[in-house]
């Protein structure tokens, strides 16, 4: 079965039930995913994007439910929307025909995740990143070295793509974005944004139009829809990255910036 296989509601539910104990580094519940000839799981091999050669995702990060799958949607969000379950660590792109693609995500640590509803009003390829004033105030040891921001490209913590969440016309400063921190996917560990493997956020980016509604499940909804995966993963401590790694001369020299076709 490939990740693109379309399944009946019963089969999709059985797939979810069969992987109840999974987290970011779970053992396979059944058979491991079929590897590509070069040793990568389908959809997660090396890719070239905007002049960058992105490495493939090692299969150890993709075990059990921690990879992209498609099937009949059994959640509570309307068609043509994004449904995020921060407790099961999944994001669903819900389509008009009743199917969905489910992606594993990393979410914010306790008390740091966005809640309720929002709208994707902007999307960007290889976006730059600047820490918010709240991030600088609450975790200066993590974010102060990057007060002036990090330009878009391989060094940016937002990865290959970012989807910007708004409420009305107000930017929430929360994003759905890529990451190079592979171990964070399937866990709680970010400052509140929703992280995806770069291969997954590129795939999602190409599937959606803006504006698009985003619903973030409450604990009650997560338990109703996907109790088997409720609270999978662990809470990770903040990752402190030396400023030299992102802003030093060697880091700058090794990242000439993305080549993006504005058309």
C-alpha atoms as a PDB file:
ATOM      1  CA  UNK A   1       0.000   0.000   0.000  1.00  0.00           C
ATOM      2  CA  UNK A   2       1.456   3.371  -0.968  1.00  0.00           C
ATOM      3  CA  UNK A   3       0.775   6.608   0.841  1.00  0.00           C
ATOM      4  CA  UNK A   4      -1.548   7.724  -1.953  1.00  0.00           C
ATOM      5  CA  UNK A   5      -3.833   4.687  -1.660  1.00  0.00           C
ATOM      6  CA  UNK A   6      -7.488   5.674  -1.321  1.00  0.00           C
ATOM      7  CA  UNK A   7      -9.211   3.636   1.391  1.00  0.00           C
ATOM      8  CA  UNK A   8     -12.721   3.094   2.615  1.00  0.00           C
ATOM      9  CA  UNK A   9     -13.785   4.667   5.936  1.00  0.00           C
ATOM     10  CA  UNK A  10     -13.496   1.293   7.653  1.00  0.00           C
ATOM     11  CA  UNK A  11     -10.010   0.673   6.246  1.00  0.00           C
ATOM     12  CA  UNK A  12      -8.826   4.174   7.177  1.00  0.00           C
ATOM     13  CA  UNK A  13     -10.172   3.682  10.701  1.00  0.00           C
ATOM     14  CA  UNK A  14      -8.505   0.294  10.944  1.00  0.00           C
ATOM     15  CA  UNK A  15      -5.221   1.849   9.852  1.00  0.00           C
ATOM     16  CA  UNK A  16      -5.497   4.408  12.641  1.00  0.00           C
ATOM     17  CA  UNK A  17      -6.507   1.800  15.231  1.00  0.00           C
ATOM     18  CA  UNK A  18      -3.612  -0.403  14.265  1.00  0.00           C
ATOM     19  CA  UNK A  19      -1.058   2.285  15.066  1.00  0.00           C
ATOM     20  CA  UNK A  20      -2.356   3.422  18.421  1.00  0.00           C
ATOM     21  CA  UNK A  21       0.897   3.301  20.366  1.00  0.00           C
ATOM     22  CA  UNK A  22       2.999   5.223  17.849  1.00  0.00           C
ATOM     23  CA  UNK A  23       4.967   8.403  18.619  1.00  0.00           C
ATOM     24  CA  UNK A  24       7.758  10.262  16.870  1.00  0.00           C
ATOM     25  CA  UNK A  25      10.082   7.278  17.005  1.00  0.00           C
ATOM     26  CA  UNK A  26       7.659   4.318  17.192  1.00  0.00           C
ATOM     27  CA  UNK A  27       8.216   0.794  16.097  1.00  0.00           C
ATOM     28  CA  UNK A  28       6.065  -0.209  13.097  1.00  0.00           C
ATOM     29  CA  UNK A  29       2.675  -1.565  14.112  1.00  0.00           C
ATOM     30  CA  UNK A  30       2.542  -3.837  11.082  1.00  0.00           C
ATOM     31  CA  UNK A  31       4.860  -3.990   8.083  1.00  0.00           C
ATOM     32  CA  UNK A  32       7.357  -1.166   7.536  1.00  0.00           C
ATOM     33  CA  UNK A  33       6.665   1.200   4.629  1.00  0.00           C
ATOM     34  CA  UNK A  34       7.976   0.012   1.281  1.00  0.00           C
ATOM     35  CA  UNK A  35      11.345   1.683   0.686  1.00  0.00           C
ATOM     36  CA  UNK A  36      12.356   3.264  -2.590  1.00  0.00           C
ATOM     37  CA  UNK A  37      15.280   1.678  -4.433  1.00  0.00           C
ATOM     38  CA  UNK A  38      17.627   4.281  -2.950  1.00  0.00           C
ATOM     39  CA  UNK A  39      16.443   3.437   0.554  1.00  0.00           C
ATOM     40  CA  UNK A  40      13.904   6.212   1.190  1.00  0.00           C
ATOM     41  CA  UNK A  41      10.192   5.934   1.939  1.00  0.00           C
ATOM     42  CA  UNK A  42       8.009   7.012  -0.982  1.00  0.00           C
ATOM     43  CA  UNK A  43       7.433  10.762  -0.910  1.00  0.00           C
ATOM     44  CA  UNK A  44      10.384  11.400   1.412  1.00  0.00           C
ATOM     45  CA  UNK A  45      13.392  10.992  -0.840  1.00  0.00           C
ATOM     46  CA  UNK A  46      15.868  13.748  -1.784  1.00  0.00           C
ATOM     47  CA  UNK A  47      14.365  16.606  -3.783  1.00  0.00           C
ATOM     48  CA  UNK A  48      15.635  19.691  -5.580  1.00  0.00           C
ATOM     49  CA  UNK A  49      13.743  22.879  -4.766  1.00  0.00           C
ATOM     50  CA  UNK A  50      14.589  26.531  -5.467  1.00  0.00           C
ATOM     51  CA  UNK A  51      18.167  25.566  -6.267  1.00  0.00           C
ATOM     52  CA  UNK A  52      18.595  23.568  -3.059  1.00  0.00           C
ATOM     53  CA  UNK A  53      19.251  19.841  -2.883  1.00  0.00           C
ATOM     54  CA  UNK A  54      17.184  18.759   0.106  1.00  0.00           C
ATOM     55  CA  UNK A  55      18.222  15.467   1.703  1.00  0.00           C
ATOM     56  CA  UNK A  56      15.741  12.648   2.099  1.00  0.00           C
ATOM     57  CA  UNK A  57      14.126  11.887   5.449  1.00  0.00           C
ATOM     58  CA  UNK A  58      15.699   8.820   7.108  1.00  0.00           C
ATOM     59  CA  UNK A  59      13.145   6.067   7.558  1.00  0.00           C
ATOM     60  CA  UNK A  60      13.626   5.990  11.337  1.00  0.00           C
ATOM     61  CA  UNK A  61      11.623   9.237  11.531  1.00  0.00           C
ATOM     62  CA  UNK A  62       8.778   7.797   9.425  1.00  0.00           C
ATOM     63  CA  UNK A  63       7.801   4.662  11.324  1.00  0.00           C
ATOM     64  CA  UNK A  64       4.205   3.759  12.099  1.00  0.00           C
ATOM     65  CA  UNK A  65       1.855   6.719  11.687  1.00  0.00           C
ATOM     66  CA  UNK A  66       4.611   9.318  11.424  1.00  0.00           C
ATOM     67  CA  UNK A  67       4.334   9.717   7.644  1.00  0.00           C
ATOM     68  CA  UNK A  68       1.960  11.045   5.024  1.00  0.00           C
ATOM     69  CA  UNK A  69      -1.164   8.990   4.289  1.00  0.00           C
ATOM     70  CA  UNK A  70      -4.361   9.548   2.293  1.00  0.00           C
ATOM     71  CA  UNK A  71      -7.827   8.109   2.797  1.00  0.00           C
ATOM     72  CA  UNK A  72     -11.442   8.813   3.713  1.00  0.00           C
ATOM     73  CA  UNK A  73     -11.677  11.660   6.224  1.00  0.00           C
ATOM     74  CA  UNK A  74     -13.495  10.843   9.479  1.00  0.00           C
ATOM     75  CA  UNK A  75     -13.002  14.105  11.358  1.00  0.00           C
ATOM     76  CA  UNK A  76     -15.330  17.046  11.997  1.00  0.00           C
ATOM     77  CA  UNK A  77     -13.867  19.831   9.830  1.00  0.00           C
ATOM     78  CA  UNK A  78     -15.693  21.029   6.685  1.00  0.00           C
ATOM     79  CA  UNK A  79     -14.472  20.277   3.157  1.00  0.00           C
ATOM     80  CA  UNK A  80     -11.690  22.428   1.709  1.00  0.00           C
ATOM     81  CA  UNK A  81     -10.112  23.144   5.069  1.00  0.00           C
ATOM     82  CA  UNK A  82      -7.150  22.232   7.243  1.00  0.00           C
ATOM     83  CA  UNK A  83      -7.785  20.254  10.439  1.00  0.00           C
ATOM     84  CA  UNK A  84      -4.958  20.222  12.996  1.00  0.00           C
ATOM     85  CA  UNK A  85      -4.931  17.797  15.918  1.00  0.00           C
ATOM     86  CA  UNK A  86      -2.220  19.044  18.310  1.00  0.00           C
ATOM     87  CA  UNK A  87      -2.851  16.120  20.669  1.00  0.00           C
ATOM     88  CA  UNK A  88      -2.460  13.328  18.096  1.00  0.00           C
ATOM     89  CA  UNK A  89       0.162  15.427  16.216  1.00  0.00           C
ATOM     90  CA  UNK A  90      -1.538  15.318  12.806  1.00  0.00           C
ATOM     91  CA  UNK A  91      -2.603  17.837  10.183  1.00  0.00           C
ATOM     92  CA  UNK A  92      -5.361  16.907   7.715  1.00  0.00           C
ATOM     93  CA  UNK A  93      -5.955  18.550   4.360  1.00  0.00           C
ATOM     94  CA  UNK A  94      -9.687  17.904   3.956  1.00  0.00           C
ATOM     95  CA  UNK A  95     -10.909  17.823   0.361  1.00  0.00           C
ATOM     96  CA  UNK A  96     -14.363  18.352  -1.122  1.00  0.00           C
ATOM     97  CA  UNK A  97     -14.766  14.670  -2.074  1.00  0.00           C
ATOM     98  CA  UNK A  98     -14.594  13.459   1.535  1.00  0.00           C
ATOM     99  CA  UNK A  99     -10.980  12.345   1.413  1.00  0.00           C
ATOM    100  CA  UNK A 100      -8.023  13.816   3.235  1.00  0.00           C
ATOM    101  CA  UNK A 101      -4.261  13.665   3.321  1.00  0.00           C
ATOM    102  CA  UNK A 102      -2.926  13.276   6.836  1.00  0.00           C
ATOM    103  CA  UNK A 103       0.533  14.614   7.674  1.00  0.00           C
ATOM    104  CA  UNK A 104       2.483  14.142  10.923  1.00  0.00           C
ATOM    105  CA  UNK A 105       3.369  17.412  12.647  1.00  0.00           C
ATOM    106  CA  UNK A 106       5.238  18.814  15.586  1.00  0.00           C
ATOM    107  CA  UNK A 107       3.352  21.280  17.770  1.00  0.00           C
ATOM    108  CA  UNK A 108       4.003  23.756  20.575  1.00  0.00           C
ATOM    109  CA  UNK A 109       4.950  22.828  24.080  1.00  0.00           C
ATOM    110  CA  UNK A 110       2.234  22.923  26.752  1.00  0.00           C
ATOM    111  CA  UNK A 111       0.489  26.282  26.776  1.00  0.00           C
ATOM    112  CA  UNK A 112       2.169  27.461  23.573  1.00  0.00           C
ATOM    113  CA  UNK A 113      -0.112  26.131  20.839  1.00  0.00           C
ATOM    114  CA  UNK A 114      -2.672  28.117  18.887  1.00  0.00           C
ATOM    115  CA  UNK A 115      -6.290  27.148  19.605  1.00  0.00           C
ATOM    116  CA  UNK A 116      -9.636  27.507  17.863  1.00  0.00           C
ATOM    117  CA  UNK A 117      -9.924  28.637  14.258  1.00  0.00           C
ATOM    118  CA  UNK A 118      -7.784  30.698  11.904  1.00  0.00           C
ATOM    119  CA  UNK A 119      -7.417  31.382   8.195  1.00  0.00           C
ATOM    120  CA  UNK A 120      -4.404  30.897   5.952  1.00  0.00           C
ATOM    121  CA  UNK A 121      -4.167  34.233   4.131  1.00  0.00           C
ATOM    122  CA  UNK A 122      -0.577  34.071   2.891  1.00  0.00           C
ATOM    123  CA  UNK A 123       1.805  31.347   1.848  1.00  0.00           C
ATOM    124  CA  UNK A 124       5.497  31.742   1.093  1.00  0.00           C
ATOM    125  CA  UNK A 125       8.320  29.682  -0.376  1.00  0.00           C
ATOM    126  CA  UNK A 126      11.561  29.627   1.624  1.00  0.00           C
ATOM    127  CA  UNK A 127      10.426  32.371   4.016  1.00  0.00           C
ATOM    128  CA  UNK A 128      12.604  34.354   6.371  1.00  0.00           C
ATOM    129  CA  UNK A 129      11.974  34.280  10.111  1.00  0.00           C
ATOM    130  CA  UNK A 130      12.046  36.819  12.926  1.00  0.00           C
ATOM    131  CA  UNK A 131      11.214  35.879  16.533  1.00  0.00           C
ATOM    132  CA  UNK A 132       8.158  37.598  17.962  1.00  0.00           C
ATOM    133  CA  UNK A 133       8.343  40.002  20.888  1.00  0.00           C
ATOM    134  CA  UNK A 134       6.646  37.372  23.036  1.00  0.00           C
ATOM    135  CA  UNK A 135       9.315  34.805  22.125  1.00  0.00           C
ATOM    136  CA  UNK A 136      12.070  37.305  22.929  1.00  0.00           C
ATOM    137  CA  UNK A 137      10.440  38.138  26.253  1.00  0.00           C
ATOM    138  CA  UNK A 138       9.666  34.616  27.447  1.00  0.00           C
ATOM    139  CA  UNK A 139      12.723  32.701  26.156  1.00  0.00           C
ATOM    140  CA  UNK A 140      15.524  35.229  25.585  1.00  0.00           C
ATOM    141  CA  UNK A 141      18.173  32.541  25.966  1.00  0.00           C
ATOM    142  CA  UNK A 142      16.774  30.834  22.867  1.00  0.00           C
ATOM    143  CA  UNK A 143      15.757  33.749  20.654  1.00  0.00           C
ATOM    144  CA  UNK A 144      17.727  36.909  21.559  1.00  0.00           C
ATOM    145  CA  UNK A 145      20.658  36.108  19.221  1.00  0.00           C
ATOM    146  CA  UNK A 146      18.179  36.120  16.330  1.00  0.00           C
ATOM    147  CA  UNK A 147      16.372  39.358  17.175  1.00  0.00           C
ATOM    148  CA  UNK A 148      17.214  40.816  13.743  1.00  0.00           C
ATOM    149  CA  UNK A 149      15.872  37.733  11.991  1.00  0.00           C
ATOM    150  CA  UNK A 150      17.180  34.988   9.720  1.00  0.00           C
ATOM    151  CA  UNK A 151      16.760  35.337   5.930  1.00  0.00           C
ATOM    152  CA  UNK A 152      14.850  32.805   3.886  1.00  0.00           C
ATOM    153  CA  UNK A 153      16.795  29.752   2.800  1.00  0.00           C
ATOM    154  CA  UNK A 154      18.377  26.681   4.299  1.00  0.00           C
ATOM    155  CA  UNK A 155      19.147  28.522   7.542  1.00  0.00           C
ATOM    156  CA  UNK A 156      15.602  29.719   8.205  1.00  0.00           C
ATOM    157  CA  UNK A 157      13.743  27.893  11.003  1.00  0.00           C
ATOM    158  CA  UNK A 158      10.600  28.107   8.826  1.00  0.00           C
ATOM    159  CA  UNK A 159      12.068  25.666   6.325  1.00  0.00           C
ATOM    160  CA  UNK A 160      10.964  25.308   2.736  1.00  0.00           C
ATOM    161  CA  UNK A 161       7.439  26.724   3.032  1.00  0.00           C
ATOM    162  CA  UNK A 162       5.253  28.673   5.454  1.00  0.00           C
ATOM    163  CA  UNK A 163       1.490  29.146   5.666  1.00  0.00           C
ATOM    164  CA  UNK A 164       0.544  32.261   7.669  1.00  0.00           C
ATOM    165  CA  UNK A 165      -2.405  32.075  10.061  1.00  0.00           C
ATOM    166  CA  UNK A 166      -4.692  35.068  10.526  1.00  0.00           C
ATOM    167  CA  UNK A 167      -7.806  35.857  12.524  1.00  0.00           C
ATOM    168  CA  UNK A 168      -9.745  38.386  10.529  1.00  0.00           C
ATOM    169  CA  UNK A 169      -7.079  40.712   9.175  1.00  0.00           C
ATOM    170  CA  UNK A 170      -4.794  40.225  12.183  1.00  0.00           C
ATOM    171  CA  UNK A 171      -1.666  38.119  11.896  1.00  0.00           C
ATOM    172  CA  UNK A 172      -1.596  35.591  14.743  1.00  0.00           C
ATOM    173  CA  UNK A 173       2.179  35.101  14.259  1.00  0.00           C
ATOM    174  CA  UNK A 174       1.547  31.375  14.156  1.00  0.00           C
ATOM    175  CA  UNK A 175       2.684  29.464  11.081  1.00  0.00           C
ATOM    176  CA  UNK A 176       2.429  26.051   9.507  1.00  0.00           C
ATOM    177  CA  UNK A 177       5.965  25.566   8.254  1.00  0.00           C
ATOM    178  CA  UNK A 178       8.796  23.229   7.388  1.00  0.00           C
ATOM    179  CA  UNK A 179      11.669  22.257   9.647  1.00  0.00           C
ATOM    180  CA  UNK A 180      15.052  20.569   9.647  1.00  0.00           C
ATOM    181  CA  UNK A 181      14.481  19.396  13.220  1.00  0.00           C
ATOM    182  CA  UNK A 182      13.299  15.953  12.169  1.00  0.00           C
ATOM    183  CA  UNK A 183      12.955  14.593  15.691  1.00  0.00           C
ATOM    184  CA  UNK A 184      10.365  17.238  16.563  1.00  0.00           C
ATOM    185  CA  UNK A 185       7.761  15.781  14.200  1.00  0.00           C
ATOM    186  CA  UNK A 186       5.262  13.756  16.207  1.00  0.00           C
ATOM    187  CA  UNK A 187       6.194  15.582  19.411  1.00  0.00           C
ATOM    188  CA  UNK A 188       5.552  18.842  21.277  1.00  0.00           C
ATOM    189  CA  UNK A 189       8.564  21.078  21.144  1.00  0.00           C
ATOM    190  CA  UNK A 190       8.133  24.291  19.159  1.00  0.00           C
ATOM    191  CA  UNK A 191       7.345  27.796  20.377  1.00  0.00           C
ATOM    192  CA  UNK A 192       3.782  27.228  19.234  1.00  0.00           C
ATOM    193  CA  UNK A 193       3.857  26.939  15.456  1.00  0.00           C
ATOM    194  CA  UNK A 194       2.958  23.768  13.548  1.00  0.00           C
ATOM    195  CA  UNK A 195       6.015  22.066  12.066  1.00  0.00           C
ATOM    196  CA  UNK A 196       6.162  19.627   9.156  1.00  0.00           C
ATOM    197  CA  UNK A 197       8.851  17.705   7.332  1.00  0.00           C
ATOM    198  CA  UNK A 198      10.011  19.866   4.419  1.00  0.00           C
ATOM    199  CA  UNK A 199       8.835  17.204   1.959  1.00  0.00           C
ATOM    200  CA  UNK A 200       5.374  17.319   3.538  1.00  0.00           C
ATOM    201  CA  UNK A 201       5.021  21.101   3.720  1.00  0.00           C
ATOM    202  CA  UNK A 202       6.032  21.368   0.042  1.00  0.00           C
ATOM    203  CA  UNK A 203       3.418  18.727  -0.813  1.00  0.00           C
ATOM    204  CA  UNK A 204       0.725  20.549   1.206  1.00  0.00           C
ATOM    205  CA  UNK A 205       1.696  23.965  -0.176  1.00  0.00           C
ATOM    206  CA  UNK A 206       1.135  22.730  -3.724  1.00  0.00           C
ATOM    207  CA  UNK A 207      -2.314  21.326  -2.864  1.00  0.00           C
ATOM    208  CA  UNK A 208      -4.015  24.333  -1.297  1.00  0.00           C
ATOM    209  CA  UNK A 209      -5.263  27.770  -2.271  1.00  0.00           C
ATOM    210  CA  UNK A 210      -5.632  30.763  -0.001  1.00  0.00           C
ATOM    211  CA  UNK A 211      -7.628  31.798   1.869  1.00  0.00           C
ATOM    212  CA  UNK A 212      -8.270  28.489   3.595  1.00  0.00           C
ATOM    213  CA  UNK A 213      -9.848  27.838   6.969  1.00  0.00           C
ATOM    214  CA  UNK A 214      -7.815  26.093   9.666  1.00  0.00           C
ATOM    215  CA  UNK A 215      -9.412  24.366  12.648  1.00  0.00           C
ATOM    216  CA  UNK A 216      -7.311  23.342  15.648  1.00  0.00           C
ATOM    217  CA  UNK A 217      -8.931  20.504  17.561  1.00  0.00           C
ATOM    218  CA  UNK A 218      -9.746  20.802  21.229  1.00  0.00           C
ATOM    219  CA  UNK A 219      -8.857  17.940  23.577  1.00  0.00           C
ATOM    220  CA  UNK A 220     -12.504  16.853  23.477  1.00  0.00           C
ATOM    221  CA  UNK A 221     -12.608  16.696  19.680  1.00  0.00           C
ATOM    222  CA  UNK A 222      -9.292  14.853  19.517  1.00  0.00           C
ATOM    223  CA  UNK A 223     -10.609  12.242  21.936  1.00  0.00           C
ATOM    224  CA  UNK A 224     -13.844  11.875  19.939  1.00  0.00           C
ATOM    225  CA  UNK A 225     -12.175  11.495  16.561  1.00  0.00           C
ATOM    226  CA  UNK A 226      -8.841   9.804  17.265  1.00  0.00           C
ATOM    227  CA  UNK A 227      -8.615   8.507  20.853  1.00  0.00           C
ATOM    228  CA  UNK A 228      -6.041   5.891  19.862  1.00  0.00           C
ATOM    229  CA  UNK A 229      -3.431   8.547  19.065  1.00  0.00           C
ATOM    230  CA  UNK A 230      -4.392  11.075  21.732  1.00  0.00           C
ATOM    231  CA  UNK A 231      -1.309  12.610  23.350  1.00  0.00           C
ATOM    232  CA  UNK A 232       1.168  10.578  21.325  1.00  0.00           C
ATOM    233  CA  UNK A 233       4.754  11.759  21.427  1.00  0.00           C
ATOM    234  CA  UNK A 234       6.661  13.567  24.152  1.00  0.00           C
ATOM    235  CA  UNK A 235       7.341  17.163  25.159  1.00  0.00           C
ATOM    236  CA  UNK A 236      10.810  18.256  24.114  1.00  0.00           C
ATOM    237  CA  UNK A 237      12.908  20.993  25.747  1.00  0.00           C
ATOM    238  CA  UNK A 238      13.702  24.148  23.785  1.00  0.00           C
ATOM    239  CA  UNK A 239      16.438  23.659  21.207  1.00  0.00           C
ATOM    240  CA  UNK A 240      19.163  26.284  21.629  1.00  0.00           C
ATOM    241  CA  UNK A 241      21.008  26.862  18.352  1.00  0.00           C
ATOM    242  CA  UNK A 242      24.258  28.879  18.450  1.00  0.00           C
ATOM    243  CA  UNK A 243      23.885  32.094  16.456  1.00  0.00           C
ATOM    244  CA  UNK A 244      27.078  31.219  14.589  1.00  0.00           C
ATOM    245  CA  UNK A 245      25.336  28.209  13.068  1.00  0.00           C
ATOM    246  CA  UNK A 246      22.763  30.413  11.326  1.00  0.00           C
ATOM    247  CA  UNK A 247      24.340  33.850  11.079  1.00  0.00           C
ATOM    248  CA  UNK A 248      28.104  33.248  11.061  1.00  0.00           C
ATOM    249  CA  UNK A 249      30.266  33.805   7.961  1.00  0.00           C
ATOM    250  CA  UNK A 250      30.474  30.106   7.120  1.00  0.00           C
ATOM    251  CA  UNK A 251      26.691  29.667   7.389  1.00  0.00           C
ATOM    252  CA  UNK A 252      26.114  32.686   5.144  1.00  0.00           C
ATOM    253  CA  UNK A 253      28.682  31.500   2.603  1.00  0.00           C
ATOM    254  CA  UNK A 254      27.043  28.078   2.381  1.00  0.00           C
ATOM    255  CA  UNK A 255      23.562  29.515   1.720  1.00  0.00           C
ATOM    256  CA  UNK A 256      23.371  31.821  -1.275  1.00  0.00           C
ATOM    257  CA  UNK A 257      19.607  32.099  -0.950  1.00  0.00           C
ATOM    258  CA  UNK A 258      16.754  30.325  -2.759  1.00  0.00           C
ATOM    259  CA  UNK A 259      16.020  30.754  -6.451  1.00  0.00           C
ATOM    260  CA  UNK A 260      12.290  31.433  -6.550  1.00  0.00           C
ATOM    261  CA  UNK A 261      10.257  32.062  -9.683  1.00  0.00           C
ATOM    262  CA  UNK A 262       8.024  34.939  -8.589  1.00  0.00           C
ATOM    263  CA  UNK A 263       5.748  34.325 -11.561  1.00  0.00           C
END
